[in-house]
Amino acid sequence: MEMISAMCYQLLQGATIKEIKEAGLDGHFTEHGFSLYPVNAQGVPFTVTYFAATGDPIADLSENMAAEQKARAVYENLMDLTTNPEILAPLSFLRQREIVHFERFKELYDEYKVKYKNV
């Protein structure tokens, strides 16, 4: 989240009010100025209710793996929206990080499935 926020901040630096309006960010600017306020693409504020935890390691690892895949897909979608190498480089790093996280969660998931004989 920090890297995406930093990229957004950098992209907004020096933007004029006209450019902000043309980008459809006038509502955000009205309430937050140039400050970052984490929202999704529809403007819904971030909340920890997006995180699910059951206490069951297999269920929770499944949730974590799904979250990593969703994040990877979002980074790929963002990469499709730009040709700017200064944006593509960190997005590529973040995308690869999600892939590695998924792989590590999957390894643990597979181990727990055997260990707890939960099919």
PDB file of N, CA and C in Angstrom:
ATOM      1  N   MET A   1       0.822  -1.192   0.000  1.00  0.00           N
ATOM      2  CA  MET A   1       0.000   0.000   0.000  1.00  0.00           C
ATOM      3  C   MET A   1       0.868   1.259   0.000  1.00  0.00           C
ATOM      4  N   GLU A   2       1.989   1.178   0.731  1.00  0.00           N
ATOM      5  CA  GLU A   2       2.864   2.348   0.820  1.00  0.00           C
ATOM      6  C   GLU A   2       3.445   2.709  -0.539  1.00  0.00           C
ATOM      7  N   MET A   3       3.833   1.695  -1.312  1.00  0.00           N
ATOM      8  CA  MET A   3       4.444   1.982  -2.613  1.00  0.00           C
ATOM      9  C   MET A   3       3.421   2.558  -3.591  1.00  0.00           C
ATOM     10  N   ILE A   4       2.225   2.008  -3.591  1.00  0.00           N
ATOM     11  CA  ILE A   4       1.181   2.537  -4.475  1.00  0.00           C
ATOM     12  C   ILE A   4       0.845   3.964  -4.062  1.00  0.00           C
ATOM     13  N   SER A   5       0.735   4.210  -2.769  1.00  0.00           N
ATOM     14  CA  SER A   5       0.449   5.564  -2.285  1.00  0.00           C
ATOM     15  C   SER A   5       1.550   6.533  -2.693  1.00  0.00           C
ATOM     16  N   ALA A   6       2.801   6.102  -2.574  1.00  0.00           N
ATOM     17  CA  ALA A   6       3.919   6.966  -2.961  1.00  0.00           C
ATOM     18  C   ALA A   6       3.876   7.269  -4.452  1.00  0.00           C
ATOM     19  N   MET A   7       3.538   6.268  -5.274  1.00  0.00           N
ATOM     20  CA  MET A   7       3.449   6.510  -6.719  1.00  0.00           C
ATOM     21  C   MET A   7       2.325   7.492  -7.036  1.00  0.00           C
ATOM     22  N   CYS A   8       1.179   7.321  -6.382  1.00  0.00           N
ATOM     23  CA  CYS A   8       0.059   8.254  -6.605  1.00  0.00           C
ATOM     24  C   CYS A   8       0.456   9.663  -6.201  1.00  0.00           C
ATOM     25  N   TYR A   9       1.119   9.794  -5.063  1.00  0.00           N
ATOM     26  CA  TYR A   9       1.568  11.101  -4.588  1.00  0.00           C
ATOM     27  C   TYR A   9       2.504  11.738  -5.614  1.00  0.00           C
ATOM     28  N   GLN A  10       3.460  10.967  -6.121  1.00  0.00           N
ATOM     29  CA  GLN A  10       4.406  11.490  -7.102  1.00  0.00           C
ATOM     30  C   GLN A  10       3.695  11.919  -8.385  1.00  0.00           C
ATOM     31  N   LEU A  11       2.712  11.131  -8.808  1.00  0.00           N
ATOM     32  CA  LEU A  11       1.990  11.459 -10.040  1.00  0.00           C
ATOM     33  C   LEU A  11       1.149  12.728  -9.895  1.00  0.00           C
ATOM     34  N   LEU A  12       0.704  13.023  -8.674  1.00  0.00           N
ATOM     35  CA  LEU A  12      -0.125  14.214  -8.447  1.00  0.00           C
ATOM     36  C   LEU A  12       0.701  15.475  -8.213  1.00  0.00           C
ATOM     37  N   GLN A  13       1.979  15.331  -7.907  1.00  0.00           N
ATOM     38  CA  GLN A  13       2.804  16.503  -7.646  1.00  0.00           C
ATOM     39  C   GLN A  13       2.810  17.423  -8.859  1.00  0.00           C
ATOM     40  N   GLY A  14       2.500  18.672  -8.620  1.00  0.00           N
ATOM     41  CA  GLY A  14       2.506  19.668  -9.679  1.00  0.00           C
ATOM     42  C   GLY A  14       1.245  19.678 -10.532  1.00  0.00           C
ATOM     43  N   ALA A  15       0.280  18.802 -10.232  1.00  0.00           N
ATOM     44  CA  ALA A  15      -0.966  18.784 -11.012  1.00  0.00           C
ATOM     45  C   ALA A  15      -1.746  20.068 -10.758  1.00  0.00           C
ATOM     46  N   THR A  16      -2.306  20.596 -11.819  1.00  0.00           N
ATOM     47  CA  THR A  16      -3.142  21.797 -11.687  1.00  0.00           C
ATOM     48  C   THR A  16      -4.568  21.378 -11.338  1.00  0.00           C
ATOM     49  N   ILE A  17      -5.361  22.320 -10.879  1.00  0.00           N
ATOM     50  CA  ILE A  17      -6.767  22.042 -10.583  1.00  0.00           C
ATOM     51  C   ILE A  17      -7.477  21.551 -11.851  1.00  0.00           C
ATOM     52  N   LYS A  18      -7.141  22.136 -12.984  1.00  0.00           N
ATOM     53  CA  LYS A  18      -7.742  21.699 -14.253  1.00  0.00           C
ATOM     54  C   LYS A  18      -7.416  20.232 -14.520  1.00  0.00           C
ATOM     55  N   GLU A  19      -6.157  19.845 -14.330  1.00  0.00           N
ATOM     56  CA  GLU A  19      -5.754  18.456 -14.549  1.00  0.00           C
ATOM     57  C   GLU A  19      -6.436  17.509 -13.559  1.00  0.00           C
ATOM     58  N   ILE A  20      -6.584  17.964 -12.330  1.00  0.00           N
ATOM     59  CA  ILE A  20      -7.266  17.151 -11.310  1.00  0.00           C
ATOM     60  C   ILE A  20      -8.718  16.918 -11.711  1.00  0.00           C
ATOM     61  N   LYS A  21      -9.378  17.975 -12.163  1.00  0.00           N
ATOM     62  CA  LYS A  21     -10.767  17.848 -12.612  1.00  0.00           C
ATOM     63  C   LYS A  21     -10.871  16.923 -13.819  1.00  0.00           C
ATOM     64  N   GLU A  22      -9.985  17.098 -14.792  1.00  0.00           N
ATOM     65  CA  GLU A  22     -10.001  16.269 -15.999  1.00  0.00           C
ATOM     66  C   GLU A  22      -9.769  14.792 -15.674  1.00  0.00           C
ATOM     67  N   ALA A  23      -9.024  14.528 -14.603  1.00  0.00           N
ATOM     68  CA  ALA A  23      -8.749  13.149 -14.191  1.00  0.00           C
ATOM     69  C   ALA A  23      -9.886  12.570 -13.353  1.00  0.00           C
ATOM     70  N   GLY A  24     -10.894  13.400 -13.056  1.00  0.00           N
ATOM     71  CA  GLY A  24     -12.013  12.920 -12.239  1.00  0.00           C
ATOM     72  C   GLY A  24     -11.684  12.835 -10.765  1.00  0.00           C
ATOM     73  N   LEU A  25     -10.658  13.560 -10.340  1.00  0.00           N
ATOM     74  CA  LEU A  25     -10.230  13.507  -8.942  1.00  0.00           C
ATOM     75  C   LEU A  25     -10.678  14.722  -8.136  1.00  0.00           C
ATOM     76  N   ASP A  26     -11.585  15.517  -8.691  1.00  0.00           N
ATOM     77  CA  ASP A  26     -11.990  16.737  -7.992  1.00  0.00           C
ATOM     78  C   ASP A  26     -12.700  16.440  -6.677  1.00  0.00           C
ATOM     79  N   GLY A  27     -13.486  15.380  -6.612  1.00  0.00           N
ATOM     80  CA  GLY A  27     -14.151  15.010  -5.351  1.00  0.00           C
ATOM     81  C   GLY A  27     -13.142  14.625  -4.293  1.00  0.00           C
ATOM     82  N   HIS A  28     -12.164  13.852  -4.692  1.00  0.00           N
ATOM     83  CA  HIS A  28     -11.101  13.459  -3.756  1.00  0.00           C
ATOM     84  C   HIS A  28     -10.325  14.689  -3.299  1.00  0.00           C
ATOM     85  N   PHE A  29      -9.990  15.566  -4.256  1.00  0.00           N
ATOM     86  CA  PHE A  29      -9.230  16.769  -3.921  1.00  0.00           C
ATOM     87  C   PHE A  29     -10.015  17.660  -2.955  1.00  0.00           C
ATOM     88  N   THR A  30     -11.334  17.757  -3.165  1.00  0.00           N
ATOM     89  CA  THR A  30     -12.170  18.587  -2.300  1.00  0.00           C
ATOM     90  C   THR A  30     -12.055  18.172  -0.843  1.00  0.00           C
ATOM     91  N   GLU A  31     -12.065  16.872  -0.599  1.00  0.00           N
ATOM     92  CA  GLU A  31     -12.028  16.386   0.784  1.00  0.00           C
ATOM     93  C   GLU A  31     -10.621  16.191   1.332  1.00  0.00           C
ATOM     94  N   HIS A  32      -9.649  15.894   0.466  1.00  0.00           N
ATOM     95  CA  HIS A  32      -8.337  15.495   0.962  1.00  0.00           C
ATOM     96  C   HIS A  32      -7.177  16.307   0.407  1.00  0.00           C
ATOM     97  N   GLY A  33      -7.448  17.249  -0.501  1.00  0.00           N
ATOM     98  CA  GLY A  33      -6.355  17.996  -1.119  1.00  0.00           C
ATOM     99  C   GLY A  33      -5.416  17.037  -1.814  1.00  0.00           C
ATOM    100  N   PHE A  34      -4.120  17.252  -1.683  1.00  0.00           N
ATOM    101  CA  PHE A  34      -3.139  16.367  -2.292  1.00  0.00           C
ATOM    102  C   PHE A  34      -2.772  15.204  -1.374  1.00  0.00           C
ATOM    103  N   SER A  35      -3.398  15.151  -0.203  1.00  0.00           N
ATOM    104  CA  SER A  35      -3.131  14.044   0.718  1.00  0.00           C
ATOM    105  C   SER A  35      -3.719  12.759   0.168  1.00  0.00           C
ATOM    106  N   LEU A  36      -3.094  11.667   0.529  1.00  0.00           N
ATOM    107  CA  LEU A  36      -3.587  10.370   0.093  1.00  0.00           C
ATOM    108  C   LEU A  36      -4.594   9.841   1.112  1.00  0.00           C
ATOM    109  N   TYR A  37      -5.635   9.259   0.597  1.00  0.00           N
ATOM    110  CA  TYR A  37      -6.672   8.650   1.420  1.00  0.00           C
ATOM    111  C   TYR A  37      -7.029   7.341   0.727  1.00  0.00           C
ATOM    112  N   PRO A  38      -6.657   6.195   1.327  1.00  0.00           N
ATOM    113  CA  PRO A  38      -6.804   4.923   0.610  1.00  0.00           C
ATOM    114  C   PRO A  38      -8.263   4.531   0.352  1.00  0.00           C
ATOM    115  N   VAL A  39      -8.586   4.471  -0.921  1.00  0.00           N
ATOM    116  CA  VAL A  39      -9.917   4.046  -1.367  1.00  0.00           C
ATOM    117  C   VAL A  39      -9.722   3.091  -2.545  1.00  0.00           C
ATOM    118  N   ASN A  40     -10.767   2.322  -2.838  1.00  0.00           N
ATOM    119  CA  ASN A  40     -10.660   1.464  -4.018  1.00  0.00           C
ATOM    120  C   ASN A  40     -11.019   2.276  -5.258  1.00  0.00           C
ATOM    121  N   ALA A  41     -11.064   1.642  -6.404  1.00  0.00           N
ATOM    122  CA  ALA A  41     -11.300   2.352  -7.661  1.00  0.00           C
ATOM    123  C   ALA A  41     -12.665   3.015  -7.726  1.00  0.00           C
ATOM    124  N   GLN A  42     -13.596   2.561  -6.890  1.00  0.00           N
ATOM    125  CA  GLN A  42     -14.935   3.173  -6.851  1.00  0.00           C
ATOM    126  C   GLN A  42     -15.046   4.233  -5.754  1.00  0.00           C
ATOM    127  N   GLY A  43     -13.960   4.476  -5.036  1.00  0.00           N
ATOM    128  CA  GLY A  43     -13.962   5.489  -3.991  1.00  0.00           C
ATOM    129  C   GLY A  43     -14.373   4.983  -2.619  1.00  0.00           C
ATOM    130  N   VAL A  44     -14.514   3.675  -2.451  1.00  0.00           N
ATOM    131  CA  VAL A  44     -14.888   3.112  -1.153  1.00  0.00           C
ATOM    132  C   VAL A  44     -13.641   3.077  -0.268  1.00  0.00           C
ATOM    133  N   PRO A  45     -13.695   3.711   0.920  1.00  0.00           N
ATOM    134  CA  PRO A  45     -12.518   3.758   1.791  1.00  0.00           C
ATOM    135  C   PRO A  45     -12.062   2.375   2.239  1.00  0.00           C
ATOM    136  N   PHE A  46     -10.761   2.260   2.450  1.00  0.00           N
ATOM    137  CA  PHE A  46     -10.181   1.021   2.952  1.00  0.00           C
ATOM    138  C   PHE A  46     -10.695   0.753   4.361  1.00  0.00           C
ATOM    139  N   THR A  47     -10.921  -0.521   4.635  1.00  0.00           N
ATOM    140  CA  THR A  47     -11.325  -0.938   5.968  1.00  0.00           C
ATOM    141  C   THR A  47     -10.753  -2.326   6.239  1.00  0.00           C
ATOM    142  N   VAL A  48     -10.471  -2.623   7.485  1.00  0.00           N
ATOM    143  CA  VAL A  48      -9.913  -3.932   7.819  1.00  0.00           C
ATOM    144  C   VAL A  48     -10.948  -5.045   7.664  1.00  0.00           C
ATOM    145  N   THR A  49     -12.193  -4.698   7.399  1.00  0.00           N
ATOM    146  CA  THR A  49     -13.190  -5.755   7.180  1.00  0.00           C
ATOM    147  C   THR A  49     -12.887  -6.553   5.919  1.00  0.00           C
ATOM    148  N   TYR A  50     -11.946  -6.072   5.098  1.00  0.00           N
ATOM    149  CA  TYR A  50     -11.536  -6.831   3.924  1.00  0.00           C
ATOM    150  C   TYR A  50     -10.721  -8.059   4.313  1.00  0.00           C
ATOM    151  N   PHE A  51     -10.185  -8.075   5.530  1.00  0.00           N
ATOM    152  CA  PHE A  51      -9.378  -9.197   5.987  1.00  0.00           C
ATOM    153  C   PHE A  51     -10.274 -10.214   6.673  1.00  0.00           C
ATOM    154  N   ALA A  52     -10.119 -11.454   6.294  1.00  0.00           N
ATOM    155  CA  ALA A  52     -10.903 -12.516   6.905  1.00  0.00           C
ATOM    156  C   ALA A  52      -9.971 -13.442   7.675  1.00  0.00           C
ATOM    157  N   ALA A  53     -10.376 -13.832   8.851  1.00  0.00           N
ATOM    158  CA  ALA A  53      -9.609 -14.778   9.648  1.00  0.00           C
ATOM    159  C   ALA A  53     -10.590 -15.649  10.415  1.00  0.00           C
ATOM    160  N   THR A  54     -10.384 -16.966  10.321  1.00  0.00           N
ATOM    161  CA  THR A  54     -11.294 -17.898  10.978  1.00  0.00           C
ATOM    162  C   THR A  54     -10.647 -18.615  12.143  1.00  0.00           C
ATOM    163  N   GLY A  55      -9.320 -18.622  12.191  1.00  0.00           N
ATOM    164  CA  GLY A  55      -8.613 -19.420  13.177  1.00  0.00           C
ATOM    165  C   GLY A  55      -8.308 -20.816  12.665  1.00  0.00           C
ATOM    166  N   ASP A  56      -8.871 -21.185  11.529  1.00  0.00           N
ATOM    167  CA  ASP A  56      -8.585 -22.466  10.891  1.00  0.00           C
ATOM    168  C   ASP A  56      -7.452 -22.220   9.900  1.00  0.00           C
ATOM    169  N   PRO A  57      -6.290 -22.859  10.106  1.00  0.00           N
ATOM    170  CA  PRO A  57      -5.142 -22.535   9.248  1.00  0.00           C
ATOM    171  C   PRO A  57      -5.375 -22.807   7.766  1.00  0.00           C
ATOM    172  N   ILE A  58      -6.114 -23.846   7.443  1.00  0.00           N
ATOM    173  CA  ILE A  58      -6.343 -24.168   6.030  1.00  0.00           C
ATOM    174  C   ILE A  58      -7.278 -23.138   5.401  1.00  0.00           C
ATOM    175  N   ALA A  59      -8.337 -22.773   6.101  1.00  0.00           N
ATOM    176  CA  ALA A  59      -9.256 -21.758   5.582  1.00  0.00           C
ATOM    177  C   ALA A  59      -8.558 -20.411   5.462  1.00  0.00           C
ATOM    178  N   ASP A  60      -7.775 -20.055   6.475  1.00  0.00           N
ATOM    179  CA  ASP A  60      -7.095 -18.759   6.450  1.00  0.00           C
ATOM    180  C   ASP A  60      -6.025 -18.704   5.364  1.00  0.00           C
ATOM    181  N   LEU A  61      -5.306 -19.805   5.154  1.00  0.00           N
ATOM    182  CA  LEU A  61      -4.318 -19.830   4.078  1.00  0.00           C
ATOM    183  C   LEU A  61      -4.999 -19.742   2.719  1.00  0.00           C
ATOM    184  N   SER A  62      -6.150 -20.368   2.568  1.00  0.00           N
ATOM    185  CA  SER A  62      -6.902 -20.256   1.314  1.00  0.00           C
ATOM    186  C   SER A  62      -7.282 -18.807   1.061  1.00  0.00           C
ATOM    187  N   GLU A  63      -7.726 -18.120   2.096  1.00  0.00           N
ATOM    188  CA  GLU A  63      -8.079 -16.696   1.993  1.00  0.00           C
ATOM    189  C   GLU A  63      -6.858 -15.870   1.611  1.00  0.00           C
ATOM    190  N   ASN A  64      -5.719 -16.172   2.226  1.00  0.00           N
ATOM    191  CA  ASN A  64      -4.487 -15.440   1.934  1.00  0.00           C
ATOM    192  C   ASN A  64      -4.049 -15.658   0.485  1.00  0.00           C
ATOM    193  N   MET A  65      -4.154 -16.898   0.014  1.00  0.00           N
ATOM    194  CA  MET A  65      -3.762 -17.188  -1.373  1.00  0.00           C
ATOM    195  C   MET A  65      -4.663 -16.433  -2.345  1.00  0.00           C
ATOM    196  N   ALA A  66      -5.955 -16.392  -2.052  1.00  0.00           N
ATOM    197  CA  ALA A  66      -6.878 -15.649  -2.920  1.00  0.00           C
ATOM    198  C   ALA A  66      -6.529 -14.163  -2.924  1.00  0.00           C
ATOM    199  N   ALA A  67      -6.200 -13.620  -1.767  1.00  0.00           N
ATOM    200  CA  ALA A  67      -5.846 -12.196  -1.677  1.00  0.00           C
ATOM    201  C   ALA A  67      -4.592 -11.892  -2.500  1.00  0.00           C
ATOM    202  N   GLU A  68      -3.614 -12.788  -2.457  1.00  0.00           N
ATOM    203  CA  GLU A  68      -2.393 -12.587  -3.236  1.00  0.00           C
ATOM    204  C   GLU A  68      -2.699 -12.595  -4.727  1.00  0.00           C
ATOM    205  N   GLN A  69      -3.568 -13.487  -5.177  1.00  0.00           N
ATOM    206  CA  GLN A  69      -3.926 -13.546  -6.592  1.00  0.00           C
ATOM    207  C   GLN A  69      -4.717 -12.308  -7.020  1.00  0.00           C
ATOM    208  N   LYS A  70      -5.591 -11.826  -6.145  1.00  0.00           N
ATOM    209  CA  LYS A  70      -6.348 -10.605  -6.468  1.00  0.00           C
ATOM    210  C   LYS A  70      -5.399  -9.416  -6.586  1.00  0.00           C
ATOM    211  N   ALA A  71      -4.447  -9.319  -5.668  1.00  0.00           N
ATOM    212  CA  ALA A  71      -3.483  -8.214  -5.722  1.00  0.00           C
ATOM    213  C   ALA A  71      -2.642  -8.304  -6.989  1.00  0.00           C
ATOM    214  N   ARG A  72      -2.206  -9.515  -7.350  1.00  0.00           N
ATOM    215  CA  ARG A  72      -1.436  -9.691  -8.579  1.00  0.00           C
ATOM    216  C   ARG A  72      -2.230  -9.204  -9.788  1.00  0.00           C
ATOM    217  N   ALA A  73      -3.498  -9.564  -9.840  1.00  0.00           N
ATOM    218  CA  ALA A  73      -4.348  -9.155 -10.967  1.00  0.00           C
ATOM    219  C   ALA A  73      -4.495  -7.637 -11.026  1.00  0.00           C
ATOM    220  N   VAL A  74      -4.632  -6.993  -9.878  1.00  0.00           N
ATOM    221  CA  VAL A  74      -4.753  -5.532  -9.843  1.00  0.00           C
ATOM    222  C   VAL A  74      -3.470  -4.890 -10.357  1.00  0.00           C
ATOM    223  N   TYR A  75      -2.312  -5.395  -9.911  1.00  0.00           N
ATOM    224  CA  TYR A  75      -1.052  -4.833 -10.399  1.00  0.00           C
ATOM    225  C   TYR A  75      -0.924  -5.007 -11.906  1.00  0.00           C
ATOM    226  N   GLU A  76      -1.342  -6.160 -12.422  1.00  0.00           N
ATOM    227  CA  GLU A  76      -1.288  -6.371 -13.868  1.00  0.00           C
ATOM    228  C   GLU A  76      -2.225  -5.407 -14.594  1.00  0.00           C
ATOM    229  N   ASN A  77      -3.405  -5.173 -14.029  1.00  0.00           N
ATOM    230  CA  ASN A  77      -4.334  -4.207 -14.636  1.00  0.00           C
ATOM    231  C   ASN A  77      -3.740  -2.802 -14.620  1.00  0.00           C
ATOM    232  N   LEU A  78      -3.100  -2.427 -13.522  1.00  0.00           N
ATOM    233  CA  LEU A  78      -2.456  -1.116 -13.450  1.00  0.00           C
ATOM    234  C   LEU A  78      -1.329  -1.010 -14.470  1.00  0.00           C
ATOM    235  N   MET A  79      -0.581  -2.077 -14.641  1.00  0.00           N
ATOM    236  CA  MET A  79       0.512  -2.079 -15.610  1.00  0.00           C
ATOM    237  C   MET A  79      -0.010  -1.893 -17.028  1.00  0.00           C
ATOM    238  N   ASP A  80      -1.220  -2.404 -17.291  1.00  0.00           N
ATOM    239  CA  ASP A  80      -1.820  -2.234 -18.614  1.00  0.00           C
ATOM    240  C   ASP A  80      -2.235  -0.786 -18.884  1.00  0.00           C
ATOM    241  N   LEU A  81      -2.320   0.025 -17.834  1.00  0.00           N
ATOM    242  CA  LEU A  81      -2.786   1.401 -17.974  1.00  0.00           C
ATOM    243  C   LEU A  81      -1.667   2.414 -18.193  1.00  0.00           C
ATOM    244  N   THR A  82      -0.408   1.963 -18.191  1.00  0.00           N
ATOM    245  CA  THR A  82       0.691   2.916 -18.319  1.00  0.00           C
ATOM    246  C   THR A  82       1.826   2.342 -19.150  1.00  0.00           C
ATOM    247  N   THR A  83       2.614   3.248 -19.704  1.00  0.00           N
ATOM    248  CA  THR A  83       3.864   2.869 -20.367  1.00  0.00           C
ATOM    249  C   THR A  83       5.048   3.539 -19.666  1.00  0.00           C
ATOM    250  N   ASN A  84       4.774   4.233 -18.573  1.00  0.00           N
ATOM    251  CA  ASN A  84       5.796   4.961 -17.828  1.00  0.00           C
ATOM    252  C   ASN A  84       6.700   3.969 -17.095  1.00  0.00           C
ATOM    253  N   PRO A  85       7.999   3.915 -17.460  1.00  0.00           N
ATOM    254  CA  PRO A  85       8.905   2.950 -16.823  1.00  0.00           C
ATOM    255  C   PRO A  85       9.069   3.180 -15.318  1.00  0.00           C
ATOM    256  N   GLU A  86       8.915   4.426 -14.873  1.00  0.00           N
ATOM    257  CA  GLU A  86       9.040   4.719 -13.446  1.00  0.00           C
ATOM    258  C   GLU A  86       7.850   4.194 -12.652  1.00  0.00           C
ATOM    259  N   ILE A  87       6.750   3.933 -13.304  1.00  0.00           N
ATOM    260  CA  ILE A  87       5.575   3.328 -12.672  1.00  0.00           C
ATOM    261  C   ILE A  87       5.605   1.814 -12.881  1.00  0.00           C
ATOM    262  N   LEU A  88       5.983   1.389 -14.081  1.00  0.00           N
ATOM    263  CA  LEU A  88       6.014  -0.045 -14.382  1.00  0.00           C
ATOM    264  C   LEU A  88       7.005  -0.808 -13.501  1.00  0.00           C
ATOM    265  N   ALA A  89       8.154  -0.231 -13.200  1.00  0.00           N
ATOM    266  CA  ALA A  89       9.171  -0.935 -12.408  1.00  0.00           C
ATOM    267  C   ALA A  89       8.658  -1.311 -11.018  1.00  0.00           C
ATOM    268  N   PRO A  90       8.133  -0.356 -10.238  1.00  0.00           N
ATOM    269  CA  PRO A  90       7.633  -0.771  -8.913  1.00  0.00           C
ATOM    270  C   PRO A  90       6.404  -1.671  -9.001  1.00  0.00           C
ATOM    271  N   LEU A  91       5.549  -1.455 -10.006  1.00  0.00           N
ATOM    272  CA  LEU A  91       4.389  -2.337 -10.154  1.00  0.00           C
ATOM    273  C   LEU A  91       4.833  -3.758 -10.480  1.00  0.00           C
ATOM    274  N   SER A  92       5.853  -3.895 -11.296  1.00  0.00           N
ATOM    275  CA  SER A  92       6.390  -5.209 -11.627  1.00  0.00           C
ATOM    276  C   SER A  92       6.952  -5.892 -10.380  1.00  0.00           C
ATOM    277  N   PHE A  93       7.670  -5.123  -9.556  1.00  0.00           N
ATOM    278  CA  PHE A  93       8.192  -5.652  -8.295  1.00  0.00           C
ATOM    279  C   PHE A  93       7.053  -6.128  -7.401  1.00  0.00           C
ATOM    280  N   LEU A  94       6.015  -5.299  -7.257  1.00  0.00           N
ATOM    281  CA  LEU A  94       4.882  -5.662  -6.403  1.00  0.00           C
ATOM    282  C   LEU A  94       4.156  -6.898  -6.926  1.00  0.00           C
ATOM    283  N   ARG A  95       3.990  -6.960  -8.236  1.00  0.00           N
ATOM    284  CA  ARG A  95       3.341  -8.120  -8.854  1.00  0.00           C
ATOM    285  C   ARG A  95       4.132  -9.386  -8.549  1.00  0.00           C
ATOM    286  N   GLN A  96       5.444  -9.335  -8.731  1.00  0.00           N
ATOM    287  CA  GLN A  96       6.281 -10.509  -8.476  1.00  0.00           C
ATOM    288  C   GLN A  96       6.235 -10.889  -6.999  1.00  0.00           C
ATOM    289  N   ARG A  97       6.174  -9.902  -6.125  1.00  0.00           N
ATOM    290  CA  ARG A  97       6.092 -10.180  -4.688  1.00  0.00           C
ATOM    291  C   ARG A  97       4.821 -10.948  -4.361  1.00  0.00           C
ATOM    292  N   GLU A  98       3.708 -10.590  -5.008  1.00  0.00           N
ATOM    293  CA  GLU A  98       2.446 -11.308  -4.779  1.00  0.00           C
ATOM    294  C   GLU A  98       2.555 -12.753  -5.244  1.00  0.00           C
ATOM    295  N   ILE A  99       3.248 -12.975  -6.351  1.00  0.00           N
ATOM    296  CA  ILE A  99       3.443 -14.337  -6.866  1.00  0.00           C
ATOM    297  C   ILE A  99       4.238 -15.171  -5.864  1.00  0.00           C
ATOM    298  N   VAL A 100       5.311 -14.601  -5.330  1.00  0.00           N
ATOM    299  CA  VAL A 100       6.131 -15.317  -4.342  1.00  0.00           C
ATOM    300  C   VAL A 100       5.323 -15.579  -3.077  1.00  0.00           C
ATOM    301  N   HIS A 101       4.577 -14.587  -2.611  1.00  0.00           N
ATOM    302  CA  HIS A 101       3.743 -14.795  -1.420  1.00  0.00           C
ATOM    303  C   HIS A 101       2.757 -15.937  -1.640  1.00  0.00           C
ATOM    304  N   PHE A 102       2.117 -15.936  -2.813  1.00  0.00           N
ATOM    305  CA  PHE A 102       1.162 -17.010  -3.116  1.00  0.00           C
ATOM    306  C   PHE A 102       1.857 -18.368  -3.049  1.00  0.00           C
ATOM    307  N   GLU A 103       3.034 -18.463  -3.656  1.00  0.00           N
ATOM    308  CA  GLU A 103       3.761 -19.738  -3.668  1.00  0.00           C
ATOM    309  C   GLU A 103       4.109 -20.198  -2.260  1.00  0.00           C
ATOM    310  N   ARG A 104       4.543 -19.280  -1.391  1.00  0.00           N
ATOM    311  CA  ARG A 104       4.886 -19.662  -0.013  1.00  0.00           C
ATOM    312  C   ARG A 104       3.629 -20.091   0.758  1.00  0.00           C
ATOM    313  N   PHE A 105       2.521 -19.344   0.598  1.00  0.00           N
ATOM    314  CA  PHE A 105       1.271 -19.742   1.253  1.00  0.00           C
ATOM    315  C   PHE A 105       0.812 -21.107   0.751  1.00  0.00           C
ATOM    316  N   LYS A 106       0.982 -21.355  -0.552  1.00  0.00           N
ATOM    317  CA  LYS A 106       0.556 -22.640  -1.142  1.00  0.00           C
ATOM    318  C   LYS A 106       1.372 -23.787  -0.567  1.00  0.00           C
ATOM    319  N   GLU A 107       2.670 -23.589  -0.384  1.00  0.00           N
ATOM    320  CA  GLU A 107       3.513 -24.624   0.211  1.00  0.00           C
ATOM    321  C   GLU A 107       3.026 -24.977   1.614  1.00  0.00           C
ATOM    322  N   LEU A 108       2.741 -23.965   2.400  1.00  0.00           N
ATOM    323  CA  LEU A 108       2.256 -24.191   3.755  1.00  0.00           C
ATOM    324  C   LEU A 108       0.870 -24.825   3.741  1.00  0.00           C
ATOM    325  N   TYR A 109       0.014 -24.355   2.837  1.00  0.00           N
ATOM    326  CA  TYR A 109      -1.325 -24.920   2.683  1.00  0.00           C
ATOM    327  C   TYR A 109      -1.231 -26.418   2.396  1.00  0.00           C
ATOM    328  N   ASP A 110      -0.391 -26.800   1.439  1.00  0.00           N
ATOM    329  CA  ASP A 110      -0.221 -28.211   1.084  1.00  0.00           C
ATOM    330  C   ASP A 110       0.296 -29.020   2.277  1.00  0.00           C
ATOM    331  N   GLU A 111       1.233 -28.450   3.022  1.00  0.00           N
ATOM    332  CA  GLU A 111       1.774 -29.129   4.202  1.00  0.00           C
ATOM    333  C   GLU A 111       0.680 -29.324   5.259  1.00  0.00           C
ATOM    334  N   TYR A 112      -0.116 -28.301   5.501  1.00  0.00           N
ATOM    335  CA  TYR A 112      -1.180 -28.410   6.502  1.00  0.00           C
ATOM    336  C   TYR A 112      -2.265 -29.388   6.077  1.00  0.00           C
ATOM    337  N   LYS A 113      -2.545 -29.443   4.780  1.00  0.00           N
ATOM    338  CA  LYS A 113      -3.549 -30.394   4.295  1.00  0.00           C
ATOM    339  C   LYS A 113      -3.127 -31.828   4.639  1.00  0.00           C
ATOM    340  N   VAL A 114      -1.844 -32.122   4.500  1.00  0.00           N
ATOM    341  CA  VAL A 114      -1.334 -33.458   4.832  1.00  0.00           C
ATOM    342  C   VAL A 114      -1.289 -33.631   6.354  1.00  0.00           C
ATOM    343  N   LYS A 115      -0.764 -32.639   7.031  1.00  0.00           N
ATOM    344  CA  LYS A 115      -0.580 -32.722   8.479  1.00  0.00           C
ATOM    345  C   LYS A 115      -1.903 -32.909   9.212  1.00  0.00           C
ATOM    346  N   TYR A 116      -2.906 -32.187   8.816  1.00  0.00           N
ATOM    347  CA  TYR A 116      -4.204 -32.248   9.498  1.00  0.00           C
ATOM    348  C   TYR A 116      -5.205 -33.168   8.800  1.00  0.00           C
ATOM    349  N   LYS A 117      -4.743 -33.801   7.687  1.00  0.00           N
ATOM    350  CA  LYS A 117      -5.574 -34.726   6.926  1.00  0.00           C
ATOM    351  C   LYS A 117      -6.949 -34.132   6.616  1.00  0.00           C
ATOM    352  N   ASN A 118      -6.918 -32.882   6.245  1.00  0.00           N
ATOM    353  CA  ASN A 118      -8.137 -32.143   5.927  1.00  0.00           C
ATOM    354  C   ASN A 118      -8.225 -32.029   4.413  1.00  0.00           C
ATOM    355  N   VAL A 119      -9.188 -32.670   3.833  1.00  0.00           N
ATOM    356  CA  VAL A 119      -9.326 -32.647   2.369  1.00  0.00           C
ATOM    357  C   VAL A 119     -10.408 -31.724   1.923  1.00  0.00           C
TER     358      VAL A 119
END
